Amino acid sequence: MTARALLLILLSFVVLASCGRGSQNQSRQVDLSSAEIPDDLTSVCGDPAILGIELDDIREGSCGIDDPVRVYFVSGVELRQSAVLNCETAKAFKSWVDTSAQPGAADVNRQIVRFRVASHYACRTRNSQPGARLSEHSKGNAIDIGGFTFANGEVVNVEDEWRSGEYSSMLRSIYGEACGIFGTTLGPDADAHHQDHMHFDVANYRSGAYCR
């Protein structure tokens, strides 16, 4: 069985199991014609709705991930580019897609079929600033989303839509609902470094989630 055939079978189960605000009226279809699908694609992180490949442990000086995965699809939504994460981050992202992002899209009669991943694992400091502490990206704890594509072909970019776009309210709503699912959320209102994307990571703080 080819990886593409396996993906279609796994996606069919995701569609049948999907739920959320307005999901009963949503036709979940994924255009696979241009999707990057590796031959060894499978479910990862113990969740059939997270499709990717398991990687060897990553070690780069003080950076790295134990049991990393490269994620290609989450709950039927393609990640482009695919994202190297740890399973805690992958599961948190899937939770946000299921409980916030996709239901929020349904509220405006839309369905998200692709996320544009701006950043995932990278051995670097916070905001790539010299002398700063290591970023959560350096541990596989973070994913940055620059936008997404709806089933009808509309493309929503965070930078363009955040303040005055047609989907500004929906975008801000699903971003706000990420607070608590993730330990940190940073968007265009946070600082100059996050004008074009939403940063999500699973860092734990004694005082609770840090959301800006």
Foldseek 3Di string as FASTA:
>chain_A
DFQVVVVVVLLVVLLVPADAAQSVVDDQDADCPPADGDRPWAAPPPDSQWIWAWDPWDDDPVFTEHGWTFTQGGSQAGEVVTAIARSLQVVLVSVLVRYAVQNLQVVVPWGWRYWYWPAFADFAAVLNDPPHHTDLSRHRFKTKTQWTATPVGDTDGQLVQCPPHPCNVSVVRSQVVSFQSFQEWDACVRDPSHNRIIMGGRDDDPVGRHYD
